[in-house]
Amino acid sequence: AEELALAREKGVHFVLLSPVLPTASHPDAEVLGWKGFSDLVAEFPLP
């Protein structure tokens, strides 16, 4: 959420939010999951 707020403040056009699901390169990384992703972007006004 902190980095999303910073991106909004700086005026970028869009963001990539990660990691949503596990990846082959980082299989043990803590992931957001779809619910965590959805909660973060629910009222975020950028693509």
All heavy atoms as atom14 arrays in JSON, in Angstrom:
{
  "sequence": "AEELALAREKGVHFVLLSPVLPTASHPDAEVLGWKGFSDLVAEFPLP",
  "atom14_mask": [
    [1, 1, 1, 1, 1, 0, 0, 0, 0, 0, 0, 0, 0, 0],
    [1, 1, 1, 1, 1, 1, 1, 1, 1, 0, 0, 0, 0, 0],
    [1, 1, 1, 1, 1, 1, 1, 1, 1, 0, 0, 0, 0, 0],
    [1, 1, 1, 1, 1, 1, 1, 1, 0, 0, 0, 0, 0, 0],
    [1, 1, 1, 1, 1, 0, 0, 0, 0, 0, 0, 0, 0, 0],
    [1, 1, 1, 1, 1, 1, 1, 1, 0, 0, 0, 0, 0, 0],
    [1, 1, 1, 1, 1, 0, 0, 0, 0, 0, 0, 0, 0, 0],
    [1, 1, 1, 1, 1, 1, 1, 1, 1, 1, 1, 0, 0, 0],
    [1, 1, 1, 1, 1, 1, 1, 1, 1, 0, 0, 0, 0, 0],
    [1, 1, 1, 1, 1, 1, 1, 1, 1, 0, 0, 0, 0, 0],
    [1, 1, 1, 1, 0, 0, 0, 0, 0, 0, 0, 0, 0, 0],
    [1, 1, 1, 1, 1, 1, 1, 0, 0, 0, 0, 0, 0, 0],
    [1, 1, 1, 1, 1, 1, 1, 1, 1, 1, 0, 0, 0, 0],
    [1, 1, 1, 1, 1, 1, 1, 1, 1, 1, 1, 0, 0, 0],
    [1, 1, 1, 1, 1, 1, 1, 0, 0, 0, 0, 0, 0, 0],
    [1, 1, 1, 1, 1, 1, 1, 1, 0, 0, 0, 0, 0, 0],
    [1, 1, 1, 1, 1, 1, 1, 1, 0, 0, 0, 0, 0, 0],
    [1, 1, 1, 1, 1, 1, 0, 0, 0, 0, 0, 0, 0, 0],
    [1, 1, 1, 1, 1, 1, 1, 0, 0, 0, 0, 0, 0, 0],
    [1, 1, 1, 1, 1, 1, 1, 0, 0, 0, 0, 0, 0, 0],
    [1, 1, 1, 1, 1, 1, 1, 1, 0, 0, 0, 0, 0, 0],
    [1, 1, 1, 1, 1, 1, 1, 0, 0, 0, 0, 0, 0, 0],
    [1, 1, 1, 1, 1, 1, 1, 0, 0, 0, 0, 0, 0, 0],
    [1, 1, 1, 1, 1, 0, 0, 0, 0, 0, 0, 0, 0, 0],
    [1, 1, 1, 1, 1, 1, 0, 0, 0, 0, 0, 0, 0, 0],
    [1, 1, 1, 1, 1, 1, 1, 1, 1, 1, 0, 0, 0, 0],
    [1, 1, 1, 1, 1, 1, 1, 0, 0, 0, 0, 0, 0, 0],
    [1, 1, 1, 1, 1, 1, 1, 1, 0, 0, 0, 0, 0, 0],
    [1, 1, 1, 1, 1, 0, 0, 0, 0, 0, 0, 0, 0, 0],
    [1, 1, 1, 1, 1, 1, 1, 1, 1, 0, 0, 0, 0, 0],
    [1, 1, 1, 1, 1, 1, 1, 0, 0, 0, 0, 0, 0, 0],
    [1, 1, 1, 1, 1, 1, 1, 1, 0, 0, 0, 0, 0, 0],
    [1, 1, 1, 1, 0, 0, 0, 0, 0, 0, 0, 0, 0, 0],
    [1, 1, 1, 1, 1, 1, 1, 1, 1, 1, 1, 1, 1, 1],
    [1, 1, 1, 1, 1, 1, 1, 1, 1, 0, 0, 0, 0, 0],
    [1, 1, 1, 1, 0, 0, 0, 0, 0, 0, 0, 0, 0, 0],
    [1, 1, 1, 1, 1, 1, 1, 1, 1, 1, 1, 0, 0, 0],
    [1, 1, 1, 1, 1, 1, 0, 0, 0, 0, 0, 0, 0, 0],
    [1, 1, 1, 1, 1, 1, 1, 1, 0, 0, 0, 0, 0, 0],
    [1, 1, 1, 1, 1, 1, 1, 1, 0, 0, 0, 0, 0, 0],
    [1, 1, 1, 1, 1, 1, 1, 0, 0, 0, 0, 0, 0, 0],
    [1, 1, 1, 1, 1, 0, 0, 0, 0, 0, 0, 0, 0, 0],
    [1, 1, 1, 1, 1, 1, 1, 1, 1, 0, 0, 0, 0, 0],
    [1, 1, 1, 1, 1, 1, 1, 1, 1, 1, 1, 0, 0, 0],
    [1, 1, 1, 1, 1, 1, 1, 0, 0, 0, 0, 0, 0, 0],
    [1, 1, 1, 1, 1, 1, 1, 1, 0, 0, 0, 0, 0, 0],
    [1, 1, 1, 1, 1, 1, 1, 0, 0, 0, 0, 0, 0, 0]
  ],
  "atom14_positions": [
    [[0.82, -1.21, 0.0], [0.0, 0.0, 0.0], [0.85, 1.26, 0.0], [0.5, 2.27, -0.64], [-0.93, -0.02, 1.21], [0.0, 0.0, 0.0], [0.0, 0.0, 0.0], [0.0, 0.0, 0.0], [0.0, 0.0, 0.0], [0.0, 0.0, 0.0], [0.0, 0.0, 0.0], [0.0, 0.0, 0.0], [0.0, 0.0, 0.0], [0.0, 0.0, 0.0]],
    [[1.98, 1.24, 0.71], [2.85, 2.42, 0.77], [3.39, 2.77, -0.61], [3.4, 3.95, -1.01], [4.0, 2.17, 1.74], [4.96, 3.34, 1.85], [6.19, 3.03, 2.7], [6.27, 1.91, 3.24], [7.07, 3.91, 2.79], [0.0, 0.0, 0.0], [0.0, 0.0, 0.0], [0.0, 0.0, 0.0], [0.0, 0.0, 0.0], [0.0, 0.0, 0.0]],
    [[3.84, 1.77, -1.34], [4.39, 2.04, -2.67], [3.29, 2.45, -3.65], [3.53, 3.27, -4.54], [5.16, 0.83, -3.17], [6.44, 0.59, -2.38], [7.22, -0.62, -2.84], [6.71, -1.4, -3.66], [8.35, -0.8, -2.35], [0.0, 0.0, 0.0], [0.0, 0.0, 0.0], [0.0, 0.0, 0.0], [0.0, 0.0, 0.0], [0.0, 0.0, 0.0]],
    [[2.1, 1.88, -3.52], [0.99, 2.32, -4.36], [0.67, 3.79, -4.12], [0.46, 4.56, -5.06], [-0.26, 1.47, -4.07], [-0.26, 0.03, -4.61], [-1.48, -0.71, -4.1], [-0.23, 0.01, -6.13], [0.0, 0.0, 0.0], [0.0, 0.0, 0.0], [0.0, 0.0, 0.0], [0.0, 0.0, 0.0], [0.0, 0.0, 0.0], [0.0, 0.0, 0.0]],
    [[0.65, 4.2, -2.85], [0.38, 5.6, -2.52], [1.46, 6.5, -3.1], [1.18, 7.61, -3.6], [0.29, 5.77, -1.01], [0.0, 0.0, 0.0], [0.0, 0.0, 0.0], [0.0, 0.0, 0.0], [0.0, 0.0, 0.0], [0.0, 0.0, 0.0], [0.0, 0.0, 0.0], [0.0, 0.0, 0.0], [0.0, 0.0, 0.0], [0.0, 0.0, 0.0]],
    [[2.71, 6.04, -3.08], [3.81, 6.82, -3.62], [3.69, 6.96, -5.13], [3.91, 8.04, -5.7], [5.14, 6.15, -3.25], [6.42, 6.92, -3.6], [6.45, 8.27, -2.89], [7.64, 6.09, -3.23], [0.0, 0.0, 0.0], [0.0, 0.0, 0.0], [0.0, 0.0, 0.0], [0.0, 0.0, 0.0], [0.0, 0.0, 0.0], [0.0, 0.0, 0.0]],
    [[3.3, 5.88, -5.81], [3.11, 5.93, -7.26], [2.01, 6.92, -7.63], [2.13, 7.66, -8.61], [2.78, 4.53, -7.79], [0.0, 0.0, 0.0], [0.0, 0.0, 0.0], [0.0, 0.0, 0.0], [0.0, 0.0, 0.0], [0.0, 0.0, 0.0], [0.0, 0.0, 0.0], [0.0, 0.0, 0.0], [0.0, 0.0, 0.0], [0.0, 0.0, 0.0]],
    [[0.95, 6.91, -6.85], [-0.15, 7.85, -7.1], [0.33, 9.29, -6.89], [0.04, 10.18, -7.69], [-1.31, 7.54, -6.16], [-2.5, 8.5, -6.31], [-3.59, 8.14, -5.34], [-4.74, 9.01, -5.48], [-5.86, 8.93, -4.76], [-5.97, 7.98, -3.83], [-6.85, 9.76, -4.95], [0.0, 0.0, 0.0], [0.0, 0.0, 0.0], [0.0, 0.0, 0.0]],
    [[1.08, 9.5, -5.83], [1.58, 10.85, -5.51], [2.52, 11.36, -6.6], [2.49, 12.54, -6.97], [2.31, 10.8, -4.17], [2.99, 12.1, -3.77], [3.88, 11.93, -2.55], [3.55, 11.09, -1.68], [4.92, 12.61, -2.48], [0.0, 0.0, 0.0], [0.0, 0.0, 0.0], [0.0, 0.0, 0.0], [0.0, 0.0, 0.0], [0.0, 0.0, 0.0]],
    [[3.36, 10.47, -7.15], [4.34, 10.89, -8.14], [3.73, 11.07, -9.54], [4.38, 11.63, -10.43], [5.49, 9.88, -8.2], [6.31, 9.79, -6.91], [6.99, 11.1, -6.58], [7.83, 11.01, -5.32], [9.09, 10.29, -5.48], [0.0, 0.0, 0.0], [0.0, 0.0, 0.0], [0.0, 0.0, 0.0], [0.0, 0.0, 0.0], [0.0, 0.0, 0.0]],
    [[2.52, 10.57, -9.75], [1.84, 10.81, -11.01], [2.19, 9.87, -12.14], [2.14, 10.26, -13.32], [0.0, 0.0, 0.0], [0.0, 0.0, 0.0], [0.0, 0.0, 0.0], [0.0, 0.0, 0.0], [0.0, 0.0, 0.0], [0.0, 0.0, 0.0], [0.0, 0.0, 0.0], [0.0, 0.0, 0.0], [0.0, 0.0, 0.0], [0.0, 0.0, 0.0]],
    [[2.54, 8.61, -11.83], [2.79, 7.64, -12.9], [1.47, 7.27, -13.57], [0.39, 7.54, -13.04], [3.52, 6.39, -12.37], [4.81, 6.77, -11.68], [2.61, 5.59, -11.44], [0.0, 0.0, 0.0], [0.0, 0.0, 0.0], [0.0, 0.0, 0.0], [0.0, 0.0, 0.0], [0.0, 0.0, 0.0], [0.0, 0.0, 0.0], [0.0, 0.0, 0.0]],
    [[1.55, 6.64, -14.73], [0.34, 6.33, -15.48], [-0.28, 4.97, -15.1], [-1.48, 4.78, -15.23], [0.64, 6.33, -16.99], [1.07, 7.67, -17.49], [2.39, 7.98, -17.76], [0.37, 8.81, -17.73], [2.48, 9.23, -18.18], [1.28, 9.75, -18.17], [0.0, 0.0, 0.0], [0.0, 0.0, 0.0], [0.0, 0.0, 0.0], [0.0, 0.0, 0.0]],
    [[0.56, 4.02, -14.67], [0.06, 2.71, -14.27], [1.09, 2.04, -13.39], [2.25, 2.48, -13.3], [-0.26, 1.84, -15.49], [0.96, 1.39, -16.26], [1.57, 0.17, -15.99], [1.5, 2.17, -17.27], [2.69, -0.25, -16.7], [2.62, 1.77, -17.99], [3.22, 0.55, -17.69], [0.0, 0.0, 0.0], [0.0, 0.0, 0.0], [0.0, 0.0, 0.0]],
    [[0.69, 0.95, -12.74], [1.62, 0.22, -11.88], [1.5, -1.28, -12.13], [0.47, -1.76, -12.63], [1.41, 0.51, -10.38], [1.51, 2.0, -10.1], [0.08, -0.02, -9.9], [0.0, 0.0, 0.0], [0.0, 0.0, 0.0], [0.0, 0.0, 0.0], [0.0, 0.0, 0.0], [0.0, 0.0, 0.0], [0.0, 0.0, 0.0], [0.0, 0.0, 0.0]],
    [[2.55, -2.01, -11.75], [2.54, -3.46, -11.67], [2.61, -3.82, -10.19], [3.5, -3.34, -9.48], [3.75, -4.05, -12.39], [3.64, -4.34, -13.89], [3.24, -3.11, -14.68], [4.96, -4.9, -14.43], [0.0, 0.0, 0.0], [0.0, 0.0, 0.0], [0.0, 0.0, 0.0], [0.0, 0.0, 0.0], [0.0, 0.0, 0.0], [0.0, 0.0, 0.0]],
    [[1.66, -4.62, -9.72], [1.6, -4.99, -8.31], [1.92, -6.47, -8.17], [1.29, -7.32, -8.8], [0.21, -4.68, -7.74], [-0.02, -4.99, -6.26], [0.96, -4.23, -5.37], [-1.46, -4.66, -5.87], [0.0, 0.0, 0.0], [0.0, 0.0, 0.0], [0.0, 0.0, 0.0], [0.0, 0.0, 0.0], [0.0, 0.0, 0.0], [0.0, 0.0, 0.0]],
    [[2.91, -6.78, -7.3], [3.36, -8.17, -7.17], [3.9, -8.44, -5.76], [4.14, -7.5, -5.0], [4.46, -8.43, -8.2], [5.63, -7.69, -7.87], [0.0, 0.0, 0.0], [0.0, 0.0, 0.0], [0.0, 0.0, 0.0], [0.0, 0.0, 0.0], [0.0, 0.0, 0.0], [0.0, 0.0, 0.0], [0.0, 0.0, 0.0], [0.0, 0.0, 0.0]],
    [[4.13, -9.77, -5.46], [3.73, -10.93, -6.26], [2.32, -11.38, -5.89], [1.98, -11.47, -4.71], [4.75, -11.99, -5.86], [5.08, -11.65, -4.43], [4.97, -10.16, -4.3], [0.0, 0.0, 0.0], [0.0, 0.0, 0.0], [0.0, 0.0, 0.0], [0.0, 0.0, 0.0], [0.0, 0.0, 0.0], [0.0, 0.0, 0.0], [0.0, 0.0, 0.0]],
    [[1.51, -11.65, -6.9], [0.14, -12.08, -6.65], [0.1, -13.58, -6.34], [-0.53, -14.01, -5.37], [-0.77, -11.75, -7.85], [-2.2, -12.21, -7.59], [-0.75, -10.25, -8.15], [0.0, 0.0, 0.0], [0.0, 0.0, 0.0], [0.0, 0.0, 0.0], [0.0, 0.0, 0.0], [0.0, 0.0, 0.0], [0.0, 0.0, 0.0], [0.0, 0.0, 0.0]],
    [[0.8, -14.36, -7.16], [0.86, -15.82, -6.97], [2.32, -16.26, -6.92], [3.21, -15.51, -7.34], [0.12, -16.52, -8.13], [-1.36, -16.17, -8.32], [-1.9, -16.9, -9.56], [-2.17, -16.5, -7.09], [0.0, 0.0, 0.0], [0.0, 0.0, 0.0], [0.0, 0.0, 0.0], [0.0, 0.0, 0.0], [0.0, 0.0, 0.0], [0.0, 0.0, 0.0]],
    [[2.6, -17.48, -6.43], [3.99, -17.96, -6.42], [4.58, -18.03, -7.82], [3.85, -18.26, -8.8], [3.87, -19.36, -5.81], [2.58, -19.35, -5.06], [1.67, -18.44, -5.82], [0.0, 0.0, 0.0], [0.0, 0.0, 0.0], [0.0, 0.0, 0.0], [0.0, 0.0, 0.0], [0.0, 0.0, 0.0], [0.0, 0.0, 0.0], [0.0, 0.0, 0.0]],
    [[5.87, -17.82, -7.92], [6.56, -17.91, -9.2], [7.67, -18.94, -9.13], [8.16, -19.28, -8.05], [7.17, -16.54, -9.59], [8.18, -16.21, -8.62], [6.12, -15.45, -9.6], [0.0, 0.0, 0.0], [0.0, 0.0, 0.0], [0.0, 0.0, 0.0], [0.0, 0.0, 0.0], [0.0, 0.0, 0.0], [0.0, 0.0, 0.0], [0.0, 0.0, 0.0]],
    [[8.08, -19.42, -10.3], [9.16, -20.41, -10.35], [10.47, -19.83, -9.86], [11.3, -20.53, -9.26], [9.32, -20.92, -11.78], [0.0, 0.0, 0.0], [0.0, 0.0, 0.0], [0.0, 0.0, 0.0], [0.0, 0.0, 0.0], [0.0, 0.0, 0.0], [0.0, 0.0, 0.0], [0.0, 0.0, 0.0], [0.0, 0.0, 0.0], [0.0, 0.0, 0.0]],
    [[10.69, -18.52, -10.07], [11.95, -17.9, -9.66], [11.97, -17.58, -8.17], [13.04, -17.5, -7.57], [12.19, -16.62, -10.47], [11.11, -15.72, -10.31], [0.0, 0.0, 0.0], [0.0, 0.0, 0.0], [0.0, 0.0, 0.0], [0.0, 0.0, 0.0], [0.0, 0.0, 0.0], [0.0, 0.0, 0.0], [0.0, 0.0, 0.0], [0.0, 0.0, 0.0]],
    [[10.78, -17.38, -7.56], [10.7, -17.08, -6.12], [9.57, -17.89, -5.49], [8.56, -17.34, -5.03], [10.47, -15.58, -5.9], [11.54, -14.71, -6.45], [11.55, -14.26, -7.76], [12.67, -14.21, -5.88], [12.61, -13.52, -7.95], [13.32, -13.46, -6.83], [0.0, 0.0, 0.0], [0.0, 0.0, 0.0], [0.0, 0.0, 0.0], [0.0, 0.0, 0.0]],
    [[9.72, -19.22, -5.46], [8.61, -20.08, -5.0], [8.25, -19.9, -3.53], [7.13, -20.2, -3.14], [9.13, -21.5, -5.29], [10.63, -21.36, -5.27], [10.9, -20.0, -5.84], [0.0, 0.0, 0.0], [0.0, 0.0, 0.0], [0.0, 0.0, 0.0], [0.0, 0.0, 0.0], [0.0, 0.0, 0.0], [0.0, 0.0, 0.0], [0.0, 0.0, 0.0]],
    [[9.17, -19.42, -2.72], [8.92, -19.3, -1.28], [8.57, -17.88, -0.85], [8.39, -17.62, 0.35], [10.14, -19.78, -0.49], [10.47, -21.25, -0.77], [9.51, -22.02, -0.95], [11.67, -21.58, -0.84], [0.0, 0.0, 0.0], [0.0, 0.0, 0.0], [0.0, 0.0, 0.0], [0.0, 0.0, 0.0], [0.0, 0.0, 0.0], [0.0, 0.0, 0.0]],
    [[8.47, -16.96, -1.8], [8.17, -15.57, -1.45], [6.74, -15.44, -0.94], [5.83, -16.17, -1.38], [8.36, -14.67, -2.67], [0.0, 0.0, 0.0], [0.0, 0.0, 0.0], [0.0, 0.0, 0.0], [0.0, 0.0, 0.0], [0.0, 0.0, 0.0], [0.0, 0.0, 0.0], [0.0, 0.0, 0.0], [0.0, 0.0, 0.0], [0.0, 0.0, 0.0]],
    [[6.53, -14.52, -0.01], [5.18, -14.27, 0.5], [4.37, -13.58, -0.59], [4.81, -12.58, -1.18], [5.24, -13.39, 1.74], [3.88, -13.15, 2.39], [3.97, -12.33, 3.65], [5.11, -12.09, 4.12], [2.92, -11.94, 4.17], [0.0, 0.0, 0.0], [0.0, 0.0, 0.0], [0.0, 0.0, 0.0], [0.0, 0.0, 0.0], [0.0, 0.0, 0.0]],
    [[3.19, -14.11, -0.89], [2.38, -13.58, -1.99], [1.15, -12.85, -1.46], [0.69, -13.09, -0.34], [1.97, -14.7, -2.97], [3.19, -15.36, -3.59], [1.08, -15.73, -2.29], [0.0, 0.0, 0.0], [0.0, 0.0, 0.0], [0.0, 0.0, 0.0], [0.0, 0.0, 0.0], [0.0, 0.0, 0.0], [0.0, 0.0, 0.0], [0.0, 0.0, 0.0]],
    [[0.6, -12.0, -2.31], [-0.6, -11.26, -1.96], [-1.84, -12.14, -2.04], [-2.78, -11.99, -1.24], [-0.78, -10.06, -2.9], [0.3, -8.98, -2.87], [0.11, -8.02, -4.04], [0.23, -8.22, -1.55], [0.0, 0.0, 0.0], [0.0, 0.0, 0.0], [0.0, 0.0, 0.0], [0.0, 0.0, 0.0], [0.0, 0.0, 0.0], [0.0, 0.0, 0.0]],
    [[-1.87, -13.04, -3.03], [-3.09, -13.77, -3.33], [-4.08, -12.83, -4.01], [-3.92, -11.6, -3.99], [0.0, 0.0, 0.0], [0.0, 0.0, 0.0], [0.0, 0.0, 0.0], [0.0, 0.0, 0.0], [0.0, 0.0, 0.0], [0.0, 0.0, 0.0], [0.0, 0.0, 0.0], [0.0, 0.0, 0.0], [0.0, 0.0, 0.0], [0.0, 0.0, 0.0]],
    [[-5.11, -13.39, -4.62], [-6.08, -12.55, -5.32], [-6.84, -11.62, -4.38], [-7.14, -10.49, -4.72], [-7.04, -13.4, -6.13], [-6.43, -13.94, -7.39], [-6.19, -15.24, -7.71], [-5.96, -13.17, -8.51], [-5.59, -15.33, -8.94], [-5.45, -14.08, -9.46], [-5.92, -11.81, -8.79], [-4.91, -13.67, -10.67], [-5.38, -11.39, -10.0], [-4.88, -12.31, -10.92]],
    [[-7.14, -12.11, -3.17], [-7.87, -11.26, -2.23], [-7.0, -10.09, -1.78], [-7.47, -8.94, -1.72], [-8.35, -12.04, -1.01], [-9.21, -11.19, -0.06], [-9.68, -11.96, 1.14], [-10.66, -11.12, 1.97], [-10.11, -9.79, 2.33], [0.0, 0.0, 0.0], [0.0, 0.0, 0.0], [0.0, 0.0, 0.0], [0.0, 0.0, 0.0], [0.0, 0.0, 0.0]],
    [[-5.75, -10.37, -1.46], [-4.86, -9.29, -1.06], [-4.68, -8.27, -2.17], [-4.66, -7.06, -1.92], [0.0, 0.0, 0.0], [0.0, 0.0, 0.0], [0.0, 0.0, 0.0], [0.0, 0.0, 0.0], [0.0, 0.0, 0.0], [0.0, 0.0, 0.0], [0.0, 0.0, 0.0], [0.0, 0.0, 0.0], [0.0, 0.0, 0.0], [0.0, 0.0, 0.0]],
    [[-4.55, -8.76, -3.4], [-4.44, -7.86, -4.55], [-5.69, -7.0, -4.66], [-5.62, -5.77, -4.8], [-4.24, -8.68, -5.83], [-4.2, -7.85, -7.09], [-2.98, -7.39, -7.58], [-5.36, -7.54, -7.78], [-2.94, -6.62, -8.73], [-5.32, -6.77, -8.93], [-4.11, -6.31, -9.42], [0.0, 0.0, 0.0], [0.0, 0.0, 0.0], [0.0, 0.0, 0.0]],
    [[-6.85, -7.64, -4.62], [-8.12, -6.93, -4.78], [-8.32, -5.89, -3.69], [-8.79, -4.77, -3.95], [-9.28, -7.94, -4.76], [-10.51, -7.3, -5.01], [0.0, 0.0, 0.0], [0.0, 0.0, 0.0], [0.0, 0.0, 0.0], [0.0, 0.0, 0.0], [0.0, 0.0, 0.0], [0.0, 0.0, 0.0], [0.0, 0.0, 0.0], [0.0, 0.0, 0.0]],
    [[-7.96, -6.22, -2.45], [-8.1, -5.27, -1.35], [-7.23, -4.03, -1.57], [-7.65, -2.9, -1.27], [-7.72, -5.92, -0.02], [-8.74, -6.95, 0.45], [-9.86, -6.96, -0.1], [-8.4, -7.76, 1.33], [0.0, 0.0, 0.0], [0.0, 0.0, 0.0], [0.0, 0.0, 0.0], [0.0, 0.0, 0.0], [0.0, 0.0, 0.0], [0.0, 0.0, 0.0]],
    [[-6.02, -4.22, -2.1], [-5.1, -3.1, -2.29], [-5.54, -2.17, -3.42], [-5.3, -0.96, -3.36], [-3.69, -3.61, -2.58], [-2.9, -4.14, -1.38], [-1.6, -4.79, -1.83], [-2.59, -3.0, -0.4], [0.0, 0.0, 0.0], [0.0, 0.0, 0.0], [0.0, 0.0, 0.0], [0.0, 0.0, 0.0], [0.0, 0.0, 0.0], [0.0, 0.0, 0.0]],
    [[-6.17, -2.72, -4.46], [-6.52, -1.89, -5.62], [-7.97, -1.44, -5.63], [-8.39, -0.74, -6.54], [-6.21, -2.64, -6.95], [-4.76, -3.1, -6.98], [-7.15, -3.82, -7.17], [0.0, 0.0, 0.0], [0.0, 0.0, 0.0], [0.0, 0.0, 0.0], [0.0, 0.0, 0.0], [0.0, 0.0, 0.0], [0.0, 0.0, 0.0], [0.0, 0.0, 0.0]],
    [[-8.74, -1.83, -4.6], [-10.18, -1.57, -4.59], [-10.52, -0.11, -4.84], [-11.48, 0.2, -5.54], [-10.79, -2.05, -3.28], [0.0, 0.0, 0.0], [0.0, 0.0, 0.0], [0.0, 0.0, 0.0], [0.0, 0.0, 0.0], [0.0, 0.0, 0.0], [0.0, 0.0, 0.0], [0.0, 0.0, 0.0], [0.0, 0.0, 0.0], [0.0, 0.0, 0.0]],
    [[-9.76, 0.81, -4.26], [-10.02, 2.23, -4.46], [-8.75, 2.96, -4.87], [-8.51, 4.11, -4.51], [-10.64, 2.86, -3.21], [-12.02, 2.32, -2.89], [-12.79, 3.21, -1.93], [-12.33, 4.32, -1.63], [-13.85, 2.76, -1.46], [0.0, 0.0, 0.0], [0.0, 0.0, 0.0], [0.0, 0.0, 0.0], [0.0, 0.0, 0.0], [0.0, 0.0, 0.0]],
    [[-7.93, 2.28, -5.67], [-6.7, 2.87, -6.18], [-6.97, 3.4, -7.58], [-7.33, 2.63, -8.48], [-5.58, 1.83, -6.2], [-4.26, 2.37, -6.66], [-3.55, 3.27, -5.87], [-3.72, 1.99, -7.88], [-2.33, 3.77, -6.28], [-2.5, 2.48, -8.31], [-1.8, 3.39, -7.51], [0.0, 0.0, 0.0], [0.0, 0.0, 0.0], [0.0, 0.0, 0.0]],
    [[-6.82, 4.71, -7.81], [-7.31, 5.32, -9.05], [-6.35, 5.27, -10.23], [-6.35, 6.19, -11.05], [-7.56, 6.76, -8.6], [-6.48, 7.02, -7.62], [-6.3, 5.72, -6.88], [0.0, 0.0, 0.0], [0.0, 0.0, 0.0], [0.0, 0.0, 0.0], [0.0, 0.0, 0.0], [0.0, 0.0, 0.0], [0.0, 0.0, 0.0], [0.0, 0.0, 0.0]],
    [[-5.54, 4.23, -10.34], [-4.67, 4.07, -11.5], [-4.81, 2.64, -12.02], [-5.11, 1.72, -11.24], [-3.2, 4.32, -11.12], [-2.8, 5.7, -10.62], [-1.31, 5.71, -10.25], [-3.09, 6.77, -11.65], [0.0, 0.0, 0.0], [0.0, 0.0, 0.0], [0.0, 0.0, 0.0], [0.0, 0.0, 0.0], [0.0, 0.0, 0.0], [0.0, 0.0, 0.0]],
    [[-4.58, 2.41, -13.3], [-4.58, 1.05, -13.82], [-3.48, 0.22, -13.15], [-2.34, 0.68, -13.01], [-4.3, 1.22, -15.32], [-4.72, 2.63, -15.62], [-4.4, 3.41, -14.38], [0.0, 0.0, 0.0], [0.0, 0.0, 0.0], [0.0, 0.0, 0.0], [0.0, 0.0, 0.0], [0.0, 0.0, 0.0], [0.0, 0.0, 0.0], [0.0, 0.0, 0.0]]
  ]
}
